[in-house]
Amino acid sequence: MIWIKNTDGAPDAVLTMALIGFLTVIIKVLGSGATFTVLGNIVTVGTIDASTIAAILTPTLTAYVSRRYTDQKFAQSEVKKE
């Protein structure tokens, strides 16, 4: 699996999921109602409501921010021990 690398240079599954969720919401918001053709097939981008946006972004962004906070918290406690 290909993961996006975080600021430490390590593959990060939570960051990848958060980015995919964010991009999905952005595409749906900006393209709502748009119709275009892909390989001869007509594709229509539907609308997205606030509850769906919350259901996509809240868990993924919360997991990412929480993990970053926890990583930073334990990294600081390890420095203090040394």
N, C-alpha and C. Protein backbone atom coordinates (compact mmCIF):
# COMPACT_ATOMS: atom_id res chain seq x y z
N MET A 1 0.84 -1.18 0.00
CA MET A 1 0.00 0.00 0.00
C MET A 1 0.88 1.24 0.00
N ILE A 2 0.46 2.25 -0.71
CA ILE A 2 1.23 3.49 -0.77
C ILE A 2 0.62 4.47 0.22
N TRP A 3 1.41 4.91 1.19
CA TRP A 3 0.96 5.86 2.19
C TRP A 3 1.68 7.18 1.96
N ILE A 4 1.01 8.27 2.32
CA ILE A 4 1.63 9.58 2.29
C ILE A 4 2.58 9.66 3.47
N LYS A 5 3.73 10.28 3.27
CA LYS A 5 4.70 10.40 4.36
C LYS A 5 4.41 11.65 5.18
N ASN A 6 4.56 11.50 6.50
CA ASN A 6 4.34 12.63 7.39
C ASN A 6 5.59 13.50 7.48
N THR A 7 5.58 14.47 8.36
CA THR A 7 6.72 15.40 8.46
C THR A 7 7.99 14.73 8.95
N ASP A 8 7.87 13.58 9.59
CA ASP A 8 9.05 12.83 10.02
C ASP A 8 9.61 11.94 8.91
N GLY A 9 8.91 11.86 7.80
CA GLY A 9 9.33 11.04 6.68
C GLY A 9 8.86 9.60 6.75
N ALA A 10 8.01 9.29 7.73
CA ALA A 10 7.50 7.93 7.89
C ALA A 10 6.14 7.80 7.19
N PRO A 11 5.85 6.64 6.59
CA PRO A 11 4.53 6.43 5.98
C PRO A 11 3.44 6.57 7.04
N ASP A 12 2.36 7.24 6.69
CA ASP A 12 1.33 7.57 7.67
C ASP A 12 -0.06 7.23 7.12
N ALA A 13 -0.65 6.14 7.63
CA ALA A 13 -1.97 5.70 7.16
C ALA A 13 -3.07 6.68 7.55
N VAL A 14 -3.00 7.23 8.76
CA VAL A 14 -4.04 8.15 9.22
C VAL A 14 -4.01 9.44 8.40
N LEU A 15 -2.83 9.94 8.10
CA LEU A 15 -2.72 11.14 7.26
C LEU A 15 -3.27 10.86 5.87
N THR A 16 -2.99 9.70 5.33
CA THR A 16 -3.50 9.32 4.01
C THR A 16 -5.03 9.28 4.01
N MET A 17 -5.62 8.67 5.03
CA MET A 17 -7.08 8.61 5.10
C MET A 17 -7.68 10.00 5.28
N ALA A 18 -7.05 10.84 6.10
CA ALA A 18 -7.56 12.21 6.31
C ALA A 18 -7.49 13.01 5.02
N LEU A 19 -6.41 12.86 4.27
CA LEU A 19 -6.27 13.59 3.02
C LEU A 19 -7.29 13.11 1.98
N ILE A 20 -7.50 11.81 1.90
CA ILE A 20 -8.49 11.27 0.95
C ILE A 20 -9.88 11.77 1.32
N GLY A 21 -10.23 11.77 2.60
CA GLY A 21 -11.52 12.28 3.04
C GLY A 21 -11.68 13.75 2.73
N PHE A 22 -10.64 14.54 3.00
CA PHE A 22 -10.69 15.98 2.73
C PHE A 22 -10.83 16.25 1.24
N LEU A 23 -10.08 15.55 0.41
CA LEU A 23 -10.17 15.75 -1.04
C LEU A 23 -11.53 15.33 -1.58
N THR A 24 -12.10 14.27 -1.03
CA THR A 24 -13.43 13.83 -1.43
C THR A 24 -14.47 14.92 -1.15
N VAL A 25 -14.40 15.49 0.03
CA VAL A 25 -15.34 16.56 0.39
C VAL A 25 -15.14 17.77 -0.51
N ILE A 26 -13.90 18.18 -0.73
CA ILE A 26 -13.61 19.34 -1.58
C ILE A 26 -14.13 19.13 -3.00
N ILE A 27 -13.90 17.95 -3.56
CA ILE A 27 -14.38 17.66 -4.92
C ILE A 27 -15.89 17.71 -4.98
N LYS A 28 -16.56 17.14 -3.97
CA LYS A 28 -18.02 17.15 -3.95
C LYS A 28 -18.56 18.56 -3.77
N VAL A 29 -17.93 19.37 -2.94
CA VAL A 29 -18.42 20.73 -2.71
C VAL A 29 -18.21 21.60 -3.94
N LEU A 30 -17.00 21.57 -4.48
CA LEU A 30 -16.69 22.42 -5.62
C LEU A 30 -17.35 21.95 -6.91
N GLY A 31 -17.58 20.65 -7.03
CA GLY A 31 -18.13 20.13 -8.28
C GLY A 31 -19.60 19.79 -8.21
N SER A 32 -20.28 20.19 -7.15
CA SER A 32 -21.68 19.79 -7.00
C SER A 32 -22.53 20.31 -8.16
N GLY A 33 -23.23 19.39 -8.76
CA GLY A 33 -24.09 19.72 -9.90
C GLY A 33 -23.37 19.70 -11.24
N ALA A 34 -22.07 19.54 -11.24
CA ALA A 34 -21.32 19.56 -12.50
C ALA A 34 -21.50 18.24 -13.25
N THR A 35 -21.49 18.32 -14.56
CA THR A 35 -21.57 17.14 -15.42
C THR A 35 -20.41 17.20 -16.40
N PHE A 36 -19.71 16.08 -16.53
CA PHE A 36 -18.61 16.01 -17.49
C PHE A 36 -18.52 14.61 -18.06
N THR A 37 -17.76 14.47 -19.12
CA THR A 37 -17.65 13.19 -19.81
C THR A 37 -16.27 12.58 -19.57
N VAL A 38 -16.25 11.32 -19.18
CA VAL A 38 -15.01 10.59 -18.97
C VAL A 38 -15.07 9.34 -19.82
N LEU A 39 -14.19 9.23 -20.79
CA LEU A 39 -14.12 8.07 -21.68
C LEU A 39 -15.48 7.74 -22.29
N GLY A 40 -16.20 8.77 -22.69
CA GLY A 40 -17.48 8.57 -23.34
C GLY A 40 -18.66 8.37 -22.40
N ASN A 41 -18.40 8.34 -21.11
CA ASN A 41 -19.47 8.17 -20.12
C ASN A 41 -19.75 9.51 -19.44
N ILE A 42 -21.01 9.83 -19.27
CA ILE A 42 -21.39 11.08 -18.60
C ILE A 42 -21.35 10.85 -17.09
N VAL A 43 -20.60 11.72 -16.39
CA VAL A 43 -20.46 11.63 -14.94
C VAL A 43 -21.03 12.91 -14.34
N THR A 44 -21.93 12.75 -13.38
CA THR A 44 -22.53 13.89 -12.69
C THR A 44 -22.08 13.86 -11.23
N VAL A 45 -21.56 14.97 -10.75
CA VAL A 45 -21.15 15.08 -9.36
C VAL A 45 -22.35 15.59 -8.57
N GLY A 46 -22.80 14.79 -7.64
CA GLY A 46 -23.97 15.17 -6.84
C GLY A 46 -23.60 16.14 -5.73
N THR A 47 -24.62 16.54 -4.99
CA THR A 47 -24.40 17.45 -3.88
C THR A 47 -24.01 16.67 -2.62
N ILE A 48 -23.53 17.38 -1.63
CA ILE A 48 -23.15 16.77 -0.37
C ILE A 48 -23.72 17.63 0.75
N ASP A 49 -24.29 17.00 1.77
CA ASP A 49 -24.86 17.77 2.86
C ASP A 49 -23.92 17.83 4.05
N ALA A 50 -24.24 18.68 5.00
CA ALA A 50 -23.36 18.94 6.14
C ALA A 50 -23.14 17.70 7.00
N SER A 51 -24.16 16.87 7.15
CA SER A 51 -23.99 15.67 7.98
C SER A 51 -23.02 14.68 7.34
N THR A 52 -23.04 14.59 6.04
CA THR A 52 -22.09 13.71 5.35
C THR A 52 -20.67 14.25 5.47
N ILE A 53 -20.52 15.56 5.33
CA ILE A 53 -19.20 16.17 5.50
C ILE A 53 -18.68 15.90 6.90
N ALA A 54 -19.53 16.08 7.91
CA ALA A 54 -19.13 15.82 9.29
C ALA A 54 -18.78 14.35 9.50
N ALA A 55 -19.55 13.46 8.88
CA ALA A 55 -19.29 12.03 9.03
C ALA A 55 -17.98 11.61 8.38
N ILE A 56 -17.55 12.33 7.36
CA ILE A 56 -16.28 12.01 6.69
C ILE A 56 -15.10 12.67 7.40
N LEU A 57 -15.21 13.97 7.67
CA LEU A 57 -14.06 14.71 8.18
C LEU A 57 -13.80 14.55 9.67
N THR A 58 -14.85 14.47 10.48
CA THR A 58 -14.66 14.43 11.93
C THR A 58 -13.80 13.25 12.39
N PRO A 59 -14.11 12.02 12.02
CA PRO A 59 -13.28 10.91 12.53
C PRO A 59 -11.86 10.91 11.97
N THR A 60 -11.72 11.23 10.69
CA THR A 60 -10.37 11.16 10.11
C THR A 60 -9.47 12.28 10.61
N LEU A 61 -9.98 13.50 10.65
CA LEU A 61 -9.15 14.61 11.12
C LEU A 61 -8.91 14.52 12.62
N THR A 62 -9.89 14.05 13.38
CA THR A 62 -9.71 13.87 14.82
C THR A 62 -8.65 12.81 15.10
N ALA A 63 -8.69 11.72 14.37
CA ALA A 63 -7.69 10.67 14.56
C ALA A 63 -6.29 11.18 14.24
N TYR A 64 -6.17 11.96 13.17
CA TYR A 64 -4.86 12.49 12.79
C TYR A 64 -4.33 13.47 13.83
N VAL A 65 -5.16 14.42 14.24
CA VAL A 65 -4.71 15.41 15.23
C VAL A 65 -4.40 14.74 16.56
N SER A 66 -5.22 13.80 16.98
CA SER A 66 -4.98 13.10 18.25
C SER A 66 -3.68 12.31 18.21
N ARG A 67 -3.43 11.63 17.10
CA ARG A 67 -2.20 10.86 17.01
C ARG A 67 -0.97 11.76 17.02
N ARG A 68 -1.05 12.90 16.31
CA ARG A 68 0.07 13.85 16.30
C ARG A 68 0.32 14.39 17.71
N TYR A 69 -0.77 14.70 18.44
CA TYR A 69 -0.64 15.21 19.79
C TYR A 69 0.01 14.15 20.69
N THR A 70 -0.45 12.91 20.58
CA THR A 70 0.10 11.83 21.40
C THR A 70 1.56 11.59 21.08
N ASP A 71 1.91 11.58 19.79
CA ASP A 71 3.31 11.40 19.40
C ASP A 71 4.18 12.49 19.99
N GLN A 72 3.72 13.73 19.90
CA GLN A 72 4.49 14.86 20.42
C GLN A 72 4.60 14.80 21.94
N LYS A 73 3.54 14.42 22.61
CA LYS A 73 3.53 14.34 24.07
C LYS A 73 4.54 13.31 24.56
N PHE A 74 4.55 12.12 23.93
CA PHE A 74 5.48 11.09 24.37
C PHE A 74 6.91 11.37 23.92
N ALA A 75 7.08 12.09 22.82
CA ALA A 75 8.42 12.47 22.39
C ALA A 75 9.02 13.45 23.38
N GLN A 76 8.24 14.37 23.91
CA GLN A 76 8.73 15.31 24.90
C GLN A 76 9.04 14.63 26.22
N SER A 77 8.23 13.65 26.64
CA SER A 77 8.49 12.96 27.89
C SER A 77 9.74 12.10 27.80
N GLU A 78 10.07 11.58 26.62
CA GLU A 78 11.30 10.81 26.44
C GLU A 78 12.52 11.72 26.51
N VAL A 79 12.41 12.94 26.01
CA VAL A 79 13.51 13.89 26.07
C VAL A 79 13.78 14.29 27.51
N LYS A 80 12.72 14.48 28.32
CA LYS A 80 12.89 14.87 29.70
C LYS A 80 13.56 13.77 30.53
N LYS A 81 13.34 12.49 30.17
CA LYS A 81 13.94 11.37 30.89
C LYS A 81 15.44 11.29 30.66
N GLU A 82 15.90 11.74 29.51
CA GLU A 82 17.32 11.59 29.16
C GLU A 82 18.18 12.57 29.85
